[in-house]
Amino acid sequence: MSSAHHPHPPGLELLHIQAGASFDARGRIAGCYGATIASSTDGQSLWIGSDVADDTATELVAEFDRAPPPSSPIEPPPALTACERILARVNGELTHTSGPSYVIPDDVILEDTESAVGTTITRSDGADTEALRGANPGNWHPIEWSELLDGKLGPWTMITDSGRAISICHTPGPLTKSAGECGVWTDPRFRGRGYAAATAAAWVPLVRAPGRHLFYSTDTDNLSSQRVAHRLNLLEIGWTWRLHRPRDGEAEKLHPLCSLYRGTAGT
């Protein structure tokens, strides 16, 4: 469902806006050894990590430029294999992930709210955060959870049960003037009740601002997350294909604004 009043830019431009919060002054992916290929119906782009040497980056660009475009955004880009070979020659093991990206339309359906799911949704702009200190569902580092509640990691919404968070929508990256992205998680025991869509819908008004596009992305094999996107009638804008050096230990899962994550930058 698209907005009749505020049409969005083409898919590839939106993918670039979505990724822009992670770019450094050179247009590289900050603090990363790797490369990402963004693919949409109107073209593809290559983004290179800031930790990639300049001569290796030149090779990557040359391979990308000579490769044909994919037949569709959901097909692996022909340049992907060559890029992986070049990067692995220097670093060895790489993490290989992919998945769709969506933009949240201005007229996103907001029906999956408290009345629809029959429970209260707590919002970061009015939460009694002290009451939530012990609500960590167990998949957040204690320091990361504390920083989330202190407002250091961006806006969030959540549903709790028996004093424990069971569904969370948070802001998994920097919130900029042009972009904001939501990430959702629901305890497996409580899935299928519409909680993820409800928290995502409640998150939208916390971050909506003129000129800011809101995004949602997931991995290829995360079908439950894709169902959330479909339930909210989000607009698929394309796919990203990521080749990155794995981060060490817990750092791989940390919020990029978390103090612990910043302390592991470049690992």
Protein backbone atom coordinates (compact mmCIF):
# COMPACT_ATOMS: atom_id res chain seq x y z
CA MET A 1 0.00 0.00 0.00
CA SER A 2 1.55 3.30 -1.04
CA SER A 3 0.81 6.81 0.03
CA ALA A 4 -1.10 8.83 -2.53
CA HIS A 5 0.14 12.09 -1.04
CA HIS A 6 3.85 11.46 -0.50
CA PRO A 7 5.24 9.04 -3.11
CA HIS A 8 8.57 7.51 -2.17
CA PRO A 9 11.76 7.71 -4.27
CA PRO A 10 12.78 4.71 -6.43
CA GLY A 11 13.84 1.53 -4.67
CA LEU A 12 17.59 1.87 -5.18
CA GLU A 13 17.58 5.43 -3.83
CA LEU A 14 15.64 4.26 -0.79
CA LEU A 15 18.12 1.44 -0.18
CA HIS A 16 20.90 4.01 -0.27
CA ILE A 17 19.04 6.25 2.20
CA GLN A 18 18.49 3.26 4.47
CA ALA A 19 22.18 2.35 4.47
CA GLY A 20 23.38 5.96 4.67
CA ALA A 21 23.40 6.06 8.47
CA SER A 22 26.21 3.50 8.38
CA PHE A 23 28.42 5.38 5.90
CA ASP A 24 31.56 7.28 6.79
CA ALA A 25 32.77 10.48 5.11
CA ARG A 26 34.06 8.49 2.12
CA GLY A 27 30.76 6.71 1.56
CA ARG A 28 32.18 3.49 3.01
CA ILE A 29 30.40 1.24 5.55
CA ALA A 30 31.95 2.43 8.79
CA GLY A 31 33.94 -0.03 10.91
CA CYS A 32 33.44 -2.93 8.50
CA TYR A 33 35.58 -5.28 6.46
CA GLY A 34 33.32 -6.46 3.65
CA ALA A 35 30.93 -5.34 0.96
CA THR A 36 27.20 -5.09 0.36
CA ILE A 37 25.36 -5.26 -2.94
CA ALA A 38 21.96 -3.57 -2.92
CA SER A 39 19.59 -4.73 -5.64
CA SER A 40 16.27 -3.25 -6.74
CA THR A 41 14.13 -3.29 -9.86
CA ASP A 42 15.76 -0.03 -10.97
CA GLY A 43 19.39 -1.08 -10.54
CA GLN A 44 22.09 -2.19 -8.11
CA SER A 45 24.82 -0.55 -6.02
CA LEU A 46 28.01 -1.69 -4.33
CA TRP A 47 28.97 -0.43 -0.86
CA ILE A 48 32.43 -1.26 0.49
CA GLY A 49 33.53 -1.45 4.12
CA SER A 50 35.86 1.18 5.51
CA ASP A 51 38.36 -1.49 6.61
CA VAL A 52 38.90 -2.74 3.05
CA ALA A 53 42.24 -1.64 1.59
CA ASP A 54 42.02 0.83 -1.29
CA ASP A 55 43.59 -1.55 -3.84
CA THR A 56 41.13 -4.28 -2.84
CA ALA A 57 38.26 -1.78 -3.09
CA THR A 58 39.39 -0.93 -6.63
CA GLU A 59 39.22 -4.62 -7.54
CA LEU A 60 35.76 -4.93 -6.07
CA VAL A 61 34.48 -1.94 -8.05
CA ALA A 62 35.98 -3.30 -11.28
CA GLU A 63 34.35 -6.71 -10.81
CA PHE A 64 31.04 -5.12 -9.92
CA ASP A 65 31.10 -2.81 -12.94
CA ARG A 66 31.80 -5.60 -15.41
CA ALA A 67 29.20 -8.01 -14.02
CA PRO A 68 25.68 -8.03 -15.48
CA PRO A 69 22.77 -7.05 -13.24
CA PRO A 70 20.72 -9.83 -11.61
CA SER A 71 17.57 -11.01 -13.36
CA SER A 72 15.55 -9.89 -10.32
CA PRO A 73 16.34 -8.35 -6.91
CA ILE A 74 15.75 -11.67 -5.12
CA GLU A 75 18.36 -13.48 -7.26
CA PRO A 76 22.01 -13.44 -6.11
CA PRO A 77 23.85 -10.71 -8.06
CA PRO A 78 26.38 -12.16 -10.51
CA ALA A 79 29.05 -9.90 -8.98
CA LEU A 80 28.59 -11.49 -5.55
CA THR A 81 30.82 -14.52 -6.16
CA ALA A 82 33.70 -12.42 -7.52
CA CYS A 83 33.45 -9.99 -4.61
CA GLU A 84 33.51 -12.84 -2.11
CA ARG A 85 36.59 -14.34 -3.77
CA ILE A 86 38.44 -11.01 -3.60
CA LEU A 87 37.54 -10.35 0.03
CA ALA A 88 38.21 -13.90 1.21
CA ARG A 89 41.65 -13.84 -0.37
CA VAL A 90 42.61 -11.16 2.16
CA ASN A 91 40.52 -12.12 5.18
CA GLY A 92 39.44 -15.74 4.81
CA GLU A 93 36.14 -16.48 6.55
CA LEU A 94 33.24 -14.16 5.74
CA THR A 95 29.65 -13.92 6.93
CA HIS A 96 27.25 -14.19 3.99
CA THR A 97 23.69 -12.91 4.58
CA SER A 98 20.88 -11.49 2.47
CA GLY A 99 17.30 -10.36 2.77
CA PRO A 100 14.56 -7.96 1.74
CA SER A 101 14.18 -4.34 2.77
CA TYR A 102 10.90 -2.47 3.09
CA VAL A 103 9.83 1.13 3.46
CA ILE A 104 7.00 1.95 5.84
CA PRO A 105 4.40 3.97 3.89
CA ASP A 106 2.93 7.18 5.25
CA ASP A 107 -0.48 5.53 5.40
CA VAL A 108 0.75 2.39 7.14
CA ILE A 109 -2.08 0.45 8.72
CA LEU A 110 -2.04 1.08 12.46
CA GLU A 111 -4.80 -1.36 13.36
CA ASP A 112 -2.49 -3.77 15.21
CA THR A 113 -2.49 -1.69 18.36
CA GLU A 114 -3.42 -2.40 21.96
CA SER A 115 -7.10 -2.99 21.23
CA ALA A 116 -6.29 -5.45 18.47
CA VAL A 117 -3.91 -7.59 20.54
CA GLY A 118 -5.68 -7.12 23.84
CA THR A 119 -2.70 -5.99 25.87
CA THR A 120 -0.79 -2.85 26.83
CA ILE A 121 2.10 -1.57 24.71
CA THR A 122 4.71 0.34 26.67
CA ARG A 123 6.41 3.21 24.79
CA SER A 124 9.78 4.77 25.42
CA ASP A 125 8.33 8.29 25.52
CA GLY A 126 6.14 7.54 28.52
CA ALA A 127 7.55 4.44 30.14
CA ASP A 128 8.30 3.89 33.79
CA THR A 129 11.76 2.65 32.89
CA GLU A 130 12.70 1.72 36.46
CA ALA A 131 9.87 -0.82 36.46
CA LEU A 132 11.42 -2.42 33.36
CA ARG A 133 14.96 -2.88 34.69
CA GLY A 134 14.22 -6.54 35.38
CA ALA A 135 12.23 -7.11 32.18
CA ASN A 136 15.24 -8.11 30.06
CA PRO A 137 14.09 -11.18 28.11
CA GLY A 138 17.62 -12.57 28.24
CA ASN A 139 18.81 -11.80 24.71
CA TRP A 140 20.10 -8.31 25.56
CA HIS A 141 23.41 -7.73 27.31
CA PRO A 142 22.68 -6.15 30.74
CA ILE A 143 24.55 -2.97 29.82
CA GLU A 144 22.80 -2.85 26.45
CA TRP A 145 19.40 -3.27 28.16
CA SER A 146 20.19 -0.49 30.62
CA GLU A 147 21.22 1.84 27.80
CA LEU A 148 18.04 1.01 25.90
CA LEU A 149 15.89 2.01 28.89
CA ASP A 150 18.01 5.13 29.44
CA GLY A 151 17.13 6.33 25.92
CA LYS A 152 20.65 5.96 24.52
CA LEU A 153 19.70 3.45 21.81
CA GLY A 154 16.72 5.20 20.27
CA PRO A 155 12.92 4.92 20.62
CA TRP A 156 11.27 1.59 21.40
CA THR A 157 7.98 -0.07 22.22
CA MET A 158 7.39 -3.34 24.06
CA ILE A 159 4.83 -5.74 25.46
CA THR A 160 5.51 -7.41 28.80
CA ASP A 161 4.08 -10.47 30.51
CA SER A 162 4.70 -11.35 34.17
CA GLY A 163 7.36 -8.64 34.40
CA ARG A 164 9.35 -9.84 31.38
CA ALA A 165 9.48 -8.29 27.88
CA ILE A 166 7.96 -10.71 25.38
CA SER A 167 7.84 -8.48 22.28
CA ILE A 168 10.04 -5.50 21.43
CA CYS A 169 10.30 -3.06 18.55
CA HIS A 170 13.42 -0.93 18.80
CA THR A 171 15.61 1.29 16.62
CA PRO A 172 18.59 -0.90 15.68
CA GLY A 173 20.67 1.86 14.13
CA PRO A 174 21.25 5.61 14.26
CA LEU A 175 18.12 7.73 13.77
CA THR A 176 18.94 10.42 11.20
CA LYS A 177 17.03 13.25 9.54
CA SER A 178 16.45 11.08 6.47
CA ALA A 179 16.15 7.55 7.85
CA GLY A 180 15.05 5.39 10.74
CA GLU A 181 14.76 1.63 10.93
CA CYS A 182 12.81 -0.64 13.23
CA GLY A 183 13.77 -4.07 14.47
CA VAL A 184 11.29 -6.47 16.05
CA TRP A 185 11.59 -9.53 18.25
CA THR A 186 8.97 -11.69 19.96
CA ASP A 187 9.48 -14.52 22.42
CA PRO A 188 8.82 -17.76 20.47
CA ARG A 189 6.23 -18.79 23.07
CA PHE A 190 4.14 -15.71 22.26
CA ARG A 191 4.39 -15.63 18.47
CA GLY A 192 1.36 -15.78 16.25
CA ARG A 193 -0.60 -13.26 18.34
CA GLY A 194 0.21 -10.14 16.33
CA TYR A 195 2.54 -8.70 18.97
CA ALA A 196 5.43 -7.93 16.61
CA ALA A 197 3.19 -6.02 14.19
CA ALA A 198 1.56 -4.23 17.12
CA THR A 199 4.82 -3.00 18.61
CA ALA A 200 6.08 -1.97 15.15
CA ALA A 201 2.88 -0.01 14.48
CA ALA A 202 3.20 1.72 17.85
CA TRP A 203 6.86 2.56 17.10
CA VAL A 204 6.04 4.50 13.92
CA PRO A 205 4.60 7.68 15.51
CA LEU A 206 7.60 7.86 17.87
CA VAL A 207 10.01 8.36 14.97
CA ARG A 208 7.92 9.75 12.11
CA ALA A 209 9.21 13.17 10.99
CA PRO A 210 9.05 15.25 7.79
CA GLY A 211 11.64 14.04 5.30
CA ARG A 212 12.46 10.89 7.27
CA HIS A 213 11.89 7.53 5.58
CA LEU A 214 11.20 4.60 7.88
CA PHE A 215 12.55 1.16 7.04
CA TYR A 216 12.19 -2.47 8.01
CA SER A 217 14.52 -5.25 6.89
CA THR A 218 15.05 -8.91 7.62
CA ASP A 219 16.94 -11.99 6.46
CA THR A 220 15.97 -14.37 3.70
CA ASP A 221 15.14 -17.27 6.03
CA ASN A 222 13.31 -15.20 8.67
CA LEU A 223 9.81 -15.95 7.42
CA SER A 224 8.09 -14.80 10.62
CA SER A 225 9.69 -11.37 10.27
CA GLN A 226 8.61 -11.21 6.63
CA ARG A 227 5.05 -12.00 7.72
CA VAL A 228 5.16 -8.95 10.00
CA ALA A 229 6.06 -6.81 6.96
CA HIS A 230 3.18 -8.28 4.98
CA ARG A 231 0.73 -7.83 7.85
CA LEU A 232 1.57 -4.12 7.95
CA ASN A 233 1.45 -3.83 4.14
CA LEU A 234 5.01 -2.53 3.95
CA LEU A 235 6.48 -1.79 0.53
CA GLU A 236 9.35 -4.05 -0.53
CA ILE A 237 12.07 -1.86 -2.09
CA GLY A 238 14.76 -4.45 -2.84
CA TRP A 239 17.29 -6.86 -1.37
CA THR A 240 20.74 -6.52 0.11
CA TRP A 241 23.49 -9.13 -0.14
CA ARG A 242 26.15 -8.76 2.56
CA LEU A 243 29.70 -10.13 2.76
CA HIS A 244 31.28 -9.12 6.06
CA ARG A 245 34.01 -10.28 8.39
CA PRO A 246 32.37 -11.78 11.49
CA ARG A 247 32.64 -9.69 14.65
CA ASP A 248 33.97 -11.42 17.74
CA GLY A 249 31.62 -13.03 20.24
CA GLU A 250 28.73 -10.99 21.63
CA ALA A 251 29.66 -7.93 19.55
CA GLU A 252 27.94 -9.50 16.53
CA LYS A 253 24.54 -9.10 18.23
CA LEU A 254 24.99 -5.76 19.98
CA HIS A 255 23.19 -2.55 19.06
CA PRO A 256 25.65 -0.35 17.10
CA LEU A 257 25.04 2.57 19.49
CA CYS A 258 25.75 0.45 22.57
CA SER A 259 28.92 1.41 24.42
CA LEU A 260 30.05 -2.23 24.32
CA TYR A 261 29.73 -2.33 20.53
CA ARG A 262 31.71 0.86 20.11
CA GLY A 263 34.41 -0.66 22.26
CA THR A 264 34.77 -3.55 19.81
CA ALA A 265 34.88 -1.45 16.62
CA GLY A 266 37.35 -2.75 14.08
CA THR A 267 37.55 -6.26 15.54
